[in-house]
Protein backbone atom coordinates (compact mmCIF):
# COMPACT_ATOMS: atom_id res chain seq x y z
CA MET A 1 -7.26 -19.09 -20.08
CA ASP A 2 -9.03 -21.12 -17.41
CA VAL A 3 -11.33 -19.76 -14.73
CA VAL A 4 -8.56 -19.64 -12.10
CA MET A 5 -6.27 -17.45 -14.20
CA LEU A 6 -9.11 -15.18 -15.28
CA SER A 7 -10.25 -14.81 -11.67
CA ARG A 8 -6.70 -13.99 -10.63
CA LEU A 9 -6.44 -11.35 -13.36
CA GLN A 10 -9.76 -9.82 -12.34
CA PHE A 11 -8.80 -9.70 -8.67
CA ALA A 12 -5.39 -8.26 -9.53
CA ALA A 13 -6.92 -5.55 -11.72
CA ALA A 14 -9.46 -4.59 -9.07
CA THR A 15 -6.92 -4.68 -6.22
CA MET A 16 -4.23 -2.66 -7.96
CA PHE A 17 -6.75 -0.06 -9.12
CA HIS A 18 -8.23 0.16 -5.61
CA PHE A 19 -4.77 0.63 -4.18
CA LEU A 20 -4.19 3.67 -6.34
CA PHE A 21 -6.37 5.50 -3.79
CA VAL A 22 -6.10 3.69 -0.44
CA PRO A 23 -2.55 4.76 0.56
CA LEU A 24 -3.27 8.41 -0.21
CA THR A 25 -6.47 8.27 1.83
CA LEU A 26 -4.60 6.90 4.85
CA GLY A 27 -1.78 9.43 4.85
CA LEU A 28 -3.61 12.50 3.59
CA SER A 29 -6.22 12.17 6.35
CA ILE A 30 -3.48 12.56 8.96
CA LEU A 31 -1.84 15.49 7.19
CA VAL A 32 -5.19 17.27 6.81
CA ALA A 33 -5.89 16.63 10.50
CA ILE A 34 -2.54 18.20 11.42
CA MET A 35 -3.25 21.21 9.19
CA GLU A 36 -6.67 21.74 10.74
CA THR A 37 -5.29 21.32 14.24
CA ARG A 38 -2.78 24.08 13.54
CA TYR A 39 -5.66 26.30 12.42
CA ALA A 40 -7.71 25.48 15.52
CA LYS A 41 -4.77 26.39 17.77
CA THR A 42 -3.58 29.55 15.99
CA GLY A 43 -6.62 30.91 14.14
CA ASP A 44 -4.29 31.52 11.17
CA GLU A 45 -6.44 31.30 8.04
CA THR A 46 -3.50 30.10 5.97
CA TRP A 47 -3.86 26.77 7.76
CA LEU A 48 -7.61 26.80 7.12
CA ARG A 49 -7.14 27.39 3.39
CA MET A 50 -4.57 24.61 3.33
CA THR A 51 -6.95 22.27 5.17
CA LYS A 52 -9.81 22.90 2.76
CA PHE A 53 -7.58 22.61 -0.31
CA PHE A 54 -6.00 19.27 0.59
CA GLY A 55 -9.25 18.17 2.24
CA LYS A 56 -11.04 18.34 -1.10
CA LEU A 57 -8.33 16.21 -2.71
CA PHE A 58 -8.78 13.77 0.16
CA LEU A 59 -12.55 13.55 -0.43
CA ILE A 60 -12.18 12.93 -4.17
CA ASN A 61 -9.73 10.17 -3.38
CA VAL A 62 -12.01 8.64 -0.72
CA ALA A 63 -14.97 8.49 -3.12
CA LEU A 64 -12.99 6.46 -5.64
CA GLY A 65 -11.48 4.22 -2.97
CA VAL A 66 -14.87 3.34 -1.47
CA VAL A 67 -16.46 2.40 -4.80
CA THR A 68 -13.59 0.15 -5.85
CA GLY A 69 -13.20 -1.40 -2.39
CA ILE A 70 -16.81 -2.59 -2.17
CA THR A 71 -16.70 -4.41 -5.50
CA LEU A 72 -13.36 -5.93 -4.52
CA GLU A 73 -14.79 -7.66 -1.45
CA PHE A 74 -17.70 -9.08 -3.47
CA GLN A 75 -15.21 -11.12 -5.48
CA PHE A 76 -14.58 -13.42 -2.53
CA GLY A 77 -18.14 -14.67 -3.03
CA THR A 78 -18.40 -14.49 -6.81
CA ASN A 79 -14.93 -15.60 -7.93
CA TRP A 80 -13.44 -17.34 -4.89
CA SER A 81 -16.37 -19.16 -3.28
CA ARG A 82 -14.39 -22.33 -2.55
CA TYR A 83 -11.81 -20.23 -0.72
CA SER A 84 -14.56 -18.45 1.22
CA GLU A 85 -16.20 -21.77 2.10
CA TYR A 86 -12.92 -23.27 3.33
CA VAL A 87 -11.55 -20.35 5.39
CA GLY A 88 -14.59 -18.08 5.75
CA ASP A 89 -14.82 -18.72 9.49
CA ILE A 90 -11.49 -16.90 9.88
CA PHE A 91 -11.19 -14.57 6.91
CA GLY A 92 -14.84 -13.57 6.93
CA SER A 93 -14.78 -12.58 10.59
CA LEU A 94 -11.86 -10.21 9.99
CA LEU A 95 -13.58 -8.54 7.05
CA ALA A 96 -16.80 -8.25 9.07
CA ILE A 97 -14.95 -6.47 11.88
CA GLU A 98 -13.33 -4.14 9.34
CA ALA A 99 -16.69 -3.20 7.87
CA THR A 100 -18.68 -2.78 11.07
CA ALA A 101 -16.04 -1.39 13.43
CA ALA A 102 -13.94 0.74 11.08
CA PHE A 103 -15.38 1.43 7.63
CA PHE A 104 -18.81 2.59 8.82
CA LEU A 105 -17.16 4.64 11.56
CA GLU A 106 -14.90 6.32 9.01
CA SER A 107 -17.82 7.01 6.66
CA THR A 108 -19.88 8.55 9.45
CA PHE A 109 -17.13 10.89 10.57
CA ILE A 110 -16.36 11.91 6.97
CA GLY A 111 -19.98 12.97 6.64
CA ILE A 112 -19.76 14.99 9.85
CA TRP A 113 -16.53 16.61 8.65
CA ILE A 114 -18.06 17.59 5.30
CA PHE A 115 -21.25 19.09 6.68
CA GLY A 116 -20.01 20.30 10.04
CA TRP A 117 -17.94 23.33 9.08
CA LYS A 118 -20.51 25.87 10.31
CA LYS A 119 -22.03 23.68 13.01
CA LEU A 120 -18.94 22.68 15.04
CA SER A 121 -16.25 24.72 16.74
CA ALA A 122 -12.82 24.75 15.11
CA LYS A 123 -11.41 22.37 17.74
CA ALA A 124 -14.37 19.98 17.50
CA HIS A 125 -14.17 19.95 13.70
CA ALA A 126 -10.43 19.19 13.83
CA THR A 127 -11.13 16.37 16.28
CA VAL A 128 -13.56 14.86 13.78
CA MET A 129 -10.78 14.77 11.17
CA TRP A 130 -8.53 12.95 13.61
CA LEU A 131 -11.32 10.40 14.11
CA VAL A 132 -11.56 10.00 10.32
CA ALA A 133 -7.82 9.34 10.16
CA LEU A 134 -7.97 6.88 13.07
CA ALA A 135 -10.90 4.96 11.59
CA GLY A 136 -9.22 4.81 8.18
CA SER A 137 -6.02 3.38 9.62
CA LEU A 138 -8.05 0.96 11.78
CA SER A 139 -9.87 -0.25 8.67
CA SER A 140 -6.60 -0.97 6.92
CA VAL A 141 -5.28 -2.78 10.01
CA TRP A 142 -8.05 -5.41 9.82
CA ILE A 143 -7.54 -5.89 6.08
CA LEU A 144 -3.81 -6.33 6.62
CA ILE A 145 -4.39 -8.82 9.44
CA ALA A 146 -6.54 -10.84 7.05
CA ASN A 147 -3.83 -10.73 4.39
CA ALA A 148 -1.14 -11.64 6.92
CA TRP A 149 -3.17 -14.71 7.87
CA MET A 150 -3.13 -15.78 4.22
CA GLN A 151 0.65 -15.34 4.23
CA ASN A 152 1.16 -17.19 7.52
CA PRO A 153 -1.96 -19.02 8.77
CA VAL A 154 -2.14 -19.38 12.57
CA GLY A 155 -4.83 -19.81 15.23
CA TYR A 156 -6.94 -22.30 13.29
CA THR A 157 -7.94 -25.93 13.34
CA ILE A 158 -9.20 -28.18 10.54
CA ARG A 159 -12.68 -29.41 11.39
CA ASN A 160 -15.44 -30.81 9.16
CA GLY A 161 -13.24 -30.32 6.10
CA ARG A 162 -12.65 -26.60 6.59
CA ALA A 163 -10.41 -24.25 8.55
CA GLU A 164 -12.08 -22.91 11.69
CA LEU A 165 -10.91 -20.19 14.06
CA SER A 166 -9.44 -21.54 17.31
CA ASP A 167 -7.32 -18.65 18.64
CA PHE A 168 -8.43 -15.14 17.63
CA MET A 169 -5.61 -13.41 19.53
CA ALA A 170 -2.99 -15.52 17.73
CA VAL A 171 -4.39 -14.28 14.41
CA VAL A 172 -4.44 -10.58 15.30
CA THR A 173 -1.15 -10.43 17.23
CA GLN A 174 1.13 -12.61 15.15
CA LYS A 175 4.46 -11.09 14.12
CA TYR A 176 3.70 -11.32 10.40
CA ALA A 177 0.60 -9.14 10.85
CA LEU A 178 2.32 -6.54 13.01
CA LEU A 179 5.18 -6.15 10.53
CA GLU A 180 2.86 -6.01 7.52
CA ILE A 181 0.73 -3.34 9.21
CA THR A 182 3.73 -1.20 10.13
CA HIS A 183 5.40 -1.50 6.73
CA THR A 184 2.24 -0.89 4.68
CA LEU A 185 0.94 2.05 6.71
CA SER A 186 4.31 3.82 6.81
CA ALA A 187 4.62 3.37 3.03
CA ALA A 188 1.15 4.89 2.62
CA TYR A 189 2.13 7.84 4.81
CA MET A 190 5.25 8.37 2.73
CA TYR A 191 3.16 8.43 -0.44
CA SER A 192 0.90 11.12 0.99
CA ALA A 193 3.97 13.15 1.99
CA PHE A 194 5.29 13.02 -1.60
CA PHE A 195 1.82 13.91 -2.89
CA VAL A 196 1.63 17.07 -0.77
CA MET A 197 5.25 18.01 -1.47
CA GLY A 198 4.76 17.49 -5.21
CA ILE A 199 1.65 19.67 -5.41
CA SER A 200 3.31 22.29 -3.22
CA ALA A 201 6.35 22.23 -5.49
CA TYR A 202 4.11 22.90 -8.52
CA HIS A 203 2.73 26.08 -6.97
CA LEU A 204 6.07 27.19 -5.56
CA LEU A 205 7.60 26.93 -9.03
CA LYS A 206 4.84 29.27 -10.21
CA LYS A 207 5.29 31.42 -7.08
CA GLN A 208 1.59 31.05 -6.21
CA ASN A 209 0.40 31.12 -2.57
CA VAL A 210 4.02 30.93 -1.50
CA GLU A 211 3.43 31.09 2.25
CA LEU A 212 0.75 28.40 2.20
CA PHE A 213 2.66 25.93 0.05
CA THR A 214 5.96 26.54 1.81
CA ARG A 215 4.29 25.50 5.07
CA ALA A 216 2.60 22.54 3.39
CA PHE A 217 5.88 21.37 1.83
CA ARG A 218 7.77 21.53 5.13
CA LEU A 219 4.99 19.79 7.05
CA ALA A 220 4.83 16.96 4.51
CA LEU A 221 8.63 16.73 4.49
CA ILE A 222 8.77 16.12 8.24
CA PHE A 223 6.00 13.52 7.88
CA GLY A 224 7.91 11.92 4.99
CA VAL A 225 11.23 11.74 6.84
CA PHE A 226 9.60 9.97 9.77
CA SER A 227 7.68 7.61 7.47
CA ALA A 228 10.80 6.77 5.44
CA ALA A 229 12.65 5.73 8.59
CA VAL A 230 9.79 3.45 9.64
CA VAL A 231 9.52 1.98 6.12
CA ALA A 232 13.23 1.12 6.08
CA ILE A 233 13.32 -0.42 9.56
CA SER A 234 10.08 -2.39 9.20
CA GLY A 235 11.09 -3.53 5.70
CA ASP A 236 14.32 -4.98 7.04
CA MET A 237 12.46 -6.80 9.83
CA HIS A 238 9.82 -8.00 7.37
CA GLY A 239 12.53 -9.43 5.11
CA VAL A 240 13.92 -11.52 7.98
CA ASN A 241 10.42 -12.75 8.81
CA VAL A 242 9.73 -13.71 5.18
CA THR A 243 12.99 -15.68 5.13
CA GLU A 244 11.71 -17.74 8.05
CA LYS A 245 8.07 -18.14 6.99
CA GLN A 246 8.27 -18.15 3.16
CA PRO A 247 11.75 -19.22 1.99
CA ALA A 248 10.47 -19.77 -1.56
CA LYS A 249 9.44 -16.11 -1.78
CA LEU A 250 12.89 -14.93 -0.66
CA ALA A 251 14.62 -17.20 -3.18
CA ALA A 252 12.35 -15.95 -5.97
CA MET A 253 12.88 -12.31 -4.97
CA GLU A 254 16.60 -12.64 -5.62
CA ALA A 255 16.39 -15.36 -8.32
CA HIS A 256 18.52 -17.49 -5.98
CA TRP A 257 18.80 -21.05 -7.32
CA GLU A 258 21.45 -22.87 -5.27
CA THR A 259 21.29 -23.42 -1.51
CA THR A 260 24.47 -21.86 -0.18
CA THR A 261 26.09 -20.03 2.68
CA ARG A 262 27.25 -16.46 2.19
CA ALA A 263 24.55 -16.13 -0.47
CA PRO A 264 25.11 -13.22 -2.87
CA SER A 265 22.67 -10.58 -4.02
CA PHE A 266 22.68 -8.97 -7.48
CA ILE A 267 21.75 -5.47 -8.55
CA LEU A 268 20.10 -7.11 -11.56
CA ALA A 269 19.32 -10.76 -12.21
CA ILE A 270 17.13 -12.04 -15.06
CA PRO A 271 16.02 -15.63 -14.37
CA ASP A 272 15.76 -18.52 -16.84
CA GLU A 273 13.16 -20.56 -14.99
CA LYS A 274 13.13 -23.43 -17.50
CA ASN A 275 16.84 -24.16 -17.05
CA GLU A 276 16.94 -23.12 -13.37
CA ARG A 277 19.59 -20.44 -13.74
CA ASN A 278 19.90 -16.73 -14.50
CA PHE A 279 20.31 -15.29 -18.00
CA ILE A 280 21.96 -12.17 -16.60
CA GLU A 281 23.67 -11.48 -13.30
CA PHE A 282 24.98 -7.97 -12.76
CA GLY A 283 26.45 -6.34 -9.67
CA ARG A 284 27.21 -9.36 -7.47
CA ILE A 285 27.50 -8.51 -3.76
CA PRO A 286 28.77 -11.56 -1.80
CA GLY A 287 26.92 -12.38 1.42
CA LEU A 288 24.32 -9.63 1.06
CA LEU A 289 21.34 -11.97 0.61
CA SER A 290 22.40 -13.93 3.69
CA PHE A 291 22.59 -10.69 5.66
CA LEU A 292 19.24 -9.40 4.40
CA GLY A 293 17.55 -12.71 5.14
CA LYS A 294 19.15 -13.61 8.47
CA HIS A 295 21.34 -10.66 9.51
CA ASP A 296 24.39 -12.91 9.11
CA PHE A 297 26.71 -12.63 6.10
CA ASP A 298 27.61 -16.33 6.42
CA ALA A 299 24.08 -17.71 6.89
CA GLU A 300 22.69 -20.42 4.62
CA ILE A 301 19.88 -19.39 2.26
CA ILE A 302 17.69 -22.03 0.62
CA GLY A 303 17.79 -22.01 -3.18
CA LEU A 304 14.88 -22.58 -5.56
CA LYS A 305 16.30 -25.94 -6.68
CA ASP A 306 15.60 -27.33 -3.20
CA ILE A 307 11.96 -26.26 -3.37
CA PRO A 308 9.51 -28.49 -5.32
CA LYS A 309 8.68 -26.99 -8.71
CA ASP A 310 4.96 -27.01 -7.98
CA GLU A 311 5.57 -24.88 -4.86
CA ARG A 312 7.73 -22.19 -6.47
CA PRO A 313 6.31 -18.73 -7.20
CA PRO A 314 6.78 -17.15 -10.66
CA VAL A 315 10.41 -16.12 -10.36
CA LEU A 316 10.63 -13.42 -13.05
CA ILE A 317 7.62 -11.41 -11.85
CA THR A 318 8.59 -11.75 -8.18
CA SER A 319 12.19 -10.75 -8.83
CA LEU A 320 11.33 -7.74 -10.99
CA ALA A 321 8.72 -6.55 -8.48
CA PHE A 322 11.28 -6.76 -5.67
CA ARG A 323 13.91 -4.81 -7.59
CA THR A 324 11.38 -2.21 -8.68
CA MET A 325 10.26 -1.74 -5.08
CA VAL A 326 13.79 -1.46 -3.69
CA GLY A 327 15.06 0.76 -6.51
CA SER A 328 12.21 3.25 -6.38
CA ALA A 329 12.25 3.31 -2.56
CA THR A 330 15.96 4.09 -2.60
CA LEU A 331 15.35 6.95 -5.04
CA MET A 332 12.63 8.28 -2.74
CA ILE A 333 15.05 8.34 0.19
CA PHE A 334 17.58 10.35 -1.81
CA LEU A 335 14.86 12.80 -2.89
CA THR A 336 13.74 13.18 0.72
CA ILE A 337 17.31 13.95 1.82
CA TRP A 338 17.67 16.49 -1.01
CA ALA A 339 14.40 18.17 -0.04
CA PHE A 340 15.44 18.27 3.63
CA ILE A 341 18.72 19.99 2.75
CA LYS A 342 16.86 22.60 0.65
CA ARG A 343 13.88 23.03 3.01
CA ASN A 344 14.83 26.61 3.98
CA LYS A 345 15.55 27.69 0.39
CA LEU A 346 12.61 26.26 -1.53
CA LEU A 347 12.13 29.13 -3.98
CA GLU A 348 15.86 29.11 -4.75
CA SER A 349 15.80 25.35 -5.52
CA PRO A 350 13.82 24.92 -8.77
CA LYS A 351 15.60 21.66 -9.72
CA MET A 352 14.62 20.03 -6.44
CA LEU A 353 11.05 21.32 -6.75
CA LYS A 354 10.75 19.94 -10.28
CA ALA A 355 12.11 16.61 -9.08
CA MET A 356 9.54 16.45 -6.29
CA LEU A 357 6.74 17.36 -8.71
CA PHE A 358 7.60 14.56 -11.11
CA ALA A 359 8.18 12.16 -8.19
CA ILE A 360 4.51 12.18 -7.12
CA PRO A 361 3.84 8.75 -8.77
CA LEU A 362 7.09 7.23 -7.47
CA PRO A 363 5.79 6.06 -4.05
CA LEU A 364 2.73 4.60 -5.77
CA LEU A 365 4.98 2.58 -8.08
CA THR A 366 6.88 1.38 -5.01
CA ILE A 367 3.71 0.33 -3.18
CA GLU A 368 2.16 -1.43 -6.18
CA ALA A 369 5.41 -3.32 -6.80
CA GLY A 370 5.47 -4.30 -3.13
CA TRP A 371 1.99 -5.79 -3.36
CA VAL A 372 2.86 -7.68 -6.56
CA LEU A 373 5.84 -9.10 -4.68
CA THR A 374 3.69 -10.00 -1.68
CA GLU A 375 0.90 -11.72 -3.61
CA VAL A 376 2.71 -13.28 -6.58
CA GLY A 377 5.55 -14.36 -4.29
CA ARG A 378 3.05 -16.38 -2.21
CA GLN A 379 1.95 -18.48 -5.18
CA PRO A 380 0.96 -21.21 -5.79
CA TRP A 381 -0.70 -20.83 -2.38
CA ILE A 382 -3.75 -18.67 -1.69
CA VAL A 383 -3.26 -19.55 2.00
CA TYR A 384 0.41 -20.38 2.43
CA GLY A 385 0.95 -24.12 2.99
CA LEU A 386 -2.77 -24.72 3.50
CA MET A 387 -4.73 -24.12 0.30
CA LYS A 388 -3.54 -23.66 -3.27
CA THR A 389 -4.97 -20.99 -5.55
CA SER A 390 -6.03 -23.65 -8.07
CA GLN A 391 -8.37 -25.10 -5.42
CA ALA A 392 -10.00 -21.80 -4.45
CA ALA A 393 -11.88 -20.50 -7.50
CA SER A 394 -15.66 -20.63 -7.91
CA PRO A 395 -17.18 -23.36 -10.10
CA VAL A 396 -18.31 -20.97 -12.84
CA ALA A 397 -17.75 -20.77 -16.56
CA SER A 398 -14.63 -18.95 -17.74
CA THR A 399 -16.77 -16.88 -20.14
CA GLN A 400 -18.63 -15.41 -17.15
CA VAL A 401 -15.38 -14.33 -15.51
CA LEU A 402 -14.04 -12.98 -18.79
CA GLY A 403 -17.16 -10.87 -19.25
CA SER A 404 -16.96 -9.42 -15.77
CA LEU A 405 -13.22 -8.81 -16.19
CA ILE A 406 -13.84 -6.75 -19.33
CA GLY A 407 -16.60 -4.88 -17.50
CA PHE A 408 -14.28 -4.10 -14.58
CA VAL A 409 -11.56 -2.80 -16.88
CA VAL A 410 -13.97 -0.53 -18.79
CA VAL A 411 -15.76 0.87 -15.72
CA TYR A 412 -12.56 1.30 -13.68
CA SER A 413 -10.85 3.03 -16.59
CA LEU A 414 -13.69 5.56 -16.76
CA LEU A 415 -13.65 6.02 -12.98
CA GLY A 416 -9.90 6.46 -13.00
CA PHE A 417 -10.02 9.02 -15.80
CA VAL A 418 -12.69 11.09 -14.04
CA GLY A 419 -11.07 10.79 -10.63
CA PHE A 420 -7.57 11.73 -11.70
CA TRP A 421 -8.91 14.54 -13.90
CA LEU A 422 -10.75 16.01 -10.91
CA MET A 423 -7.71 15.74 -8.65
CA ILE A 424 -5.34 17.23 -11.22
CA LYS A 425 -7.75 20.07 -11.99
CA HIS A 426 -8.23 20.92 -8.32
CA ALA A 427 -4.52 20.60 -7.55
CA LYS A 428 -3.58 22.99 -10.38
CA ASN A 429 -6.26 25.53 -9.52
CA GLY A 430 -4.95 25.92 -6.00
CA PRO A 431 -6.79 26.94 -2.83
CA GLU A 432 -9.74 29.28 -2.94
CA PRO A 433 -9.83 32.40 -0.78
CA VAL A 434 -11.65 31.69 2.48
CA GLN A 435 -14.73 33.87 2.76
CA GLU A 436 -15.75 32.83 6.24
CA THR A 437 -14.18 30.69 8.92
CA ALA A 438 -15.56 27.85 10.98
CA ALA A 439 -17.47 28.84 14.08
């Protein structure tokens, strides 16, 4: 493999591993803040025990996310220097804002939260957790704005052979960024809701700390219902926007070859890219793709045959990622409805509790598939319509990238094993009795 493909594989491995932890950090920080706020208002130590229990899971998760995130950003200099040179005036400024205005703020408040239990009042300590949650979400907002610019570049001008920032507000307020932020954050919040419900279900099945985990389950359920609604609405709006800005991605998502009105969608379609057709088409729904893309059952949808071959994304990967995302998200909605129906009879609903326990990884599968769709579906562009991925890699030997790729896989595998072992061990052990409360 050449240096471009190896660099892509390394970035994909680092990104997908990093994103095992980021969504949980974003959502769990808010849930822990709500738990601690309830303790500060009521003085009920059940809320304090809950806060400390899920707070420790949050901190383990944060530690892994920080380590993997730092090495990820370094790759823009080591593996993608030509990209950084060409668009660094825009992309670099967004990452700089994320680091200085959000990441360091989040890190500082996490430190205060860890060491401030006996030094701050209950209300002040809960406020610190809200600041942690706010800073974490703010950090992700700047990263998502940067990614949205790669998907739909705006607010720039080409000068001296490189892209330079000309309209900062156009970059940060464009529709693509706002939709990507809303959709990604709400998906992260839904993952954290399933995480808390799944762990609570484990202990409820064993009838351990019933009062604590009943409250935790119901709190996460409310959070999950709200997040699911936002995910569905923003996802629909995002699909319409992608149809307008990246028609090749939409066509690849559905393995749609012929430009046609009343374009159908299929429950399953396996593409034959060489012969520009589908091997398998199952569950044809006439007009559905037109409706999803343009909210009009009779609208015309561009097919892949009308897009130059060198500007088409990999159809099989994009299509499978899309169907995985939609299928698992649909299952999550049904599980959420089931849990909502049984919310007042949790101990009498062992089947639902077991389902929620085993569903903990489901939102993560959905999110990872969504990012594969987002990034692979943009190919062959690293910045859509402006710079191709083949032009962006660093001028280094492929053996150097291969060596670092192997190193990443080994180190990240060890980190992942230790991190998940710690989280599973703590989750199974349950909360410790509180010996003394915050001042």
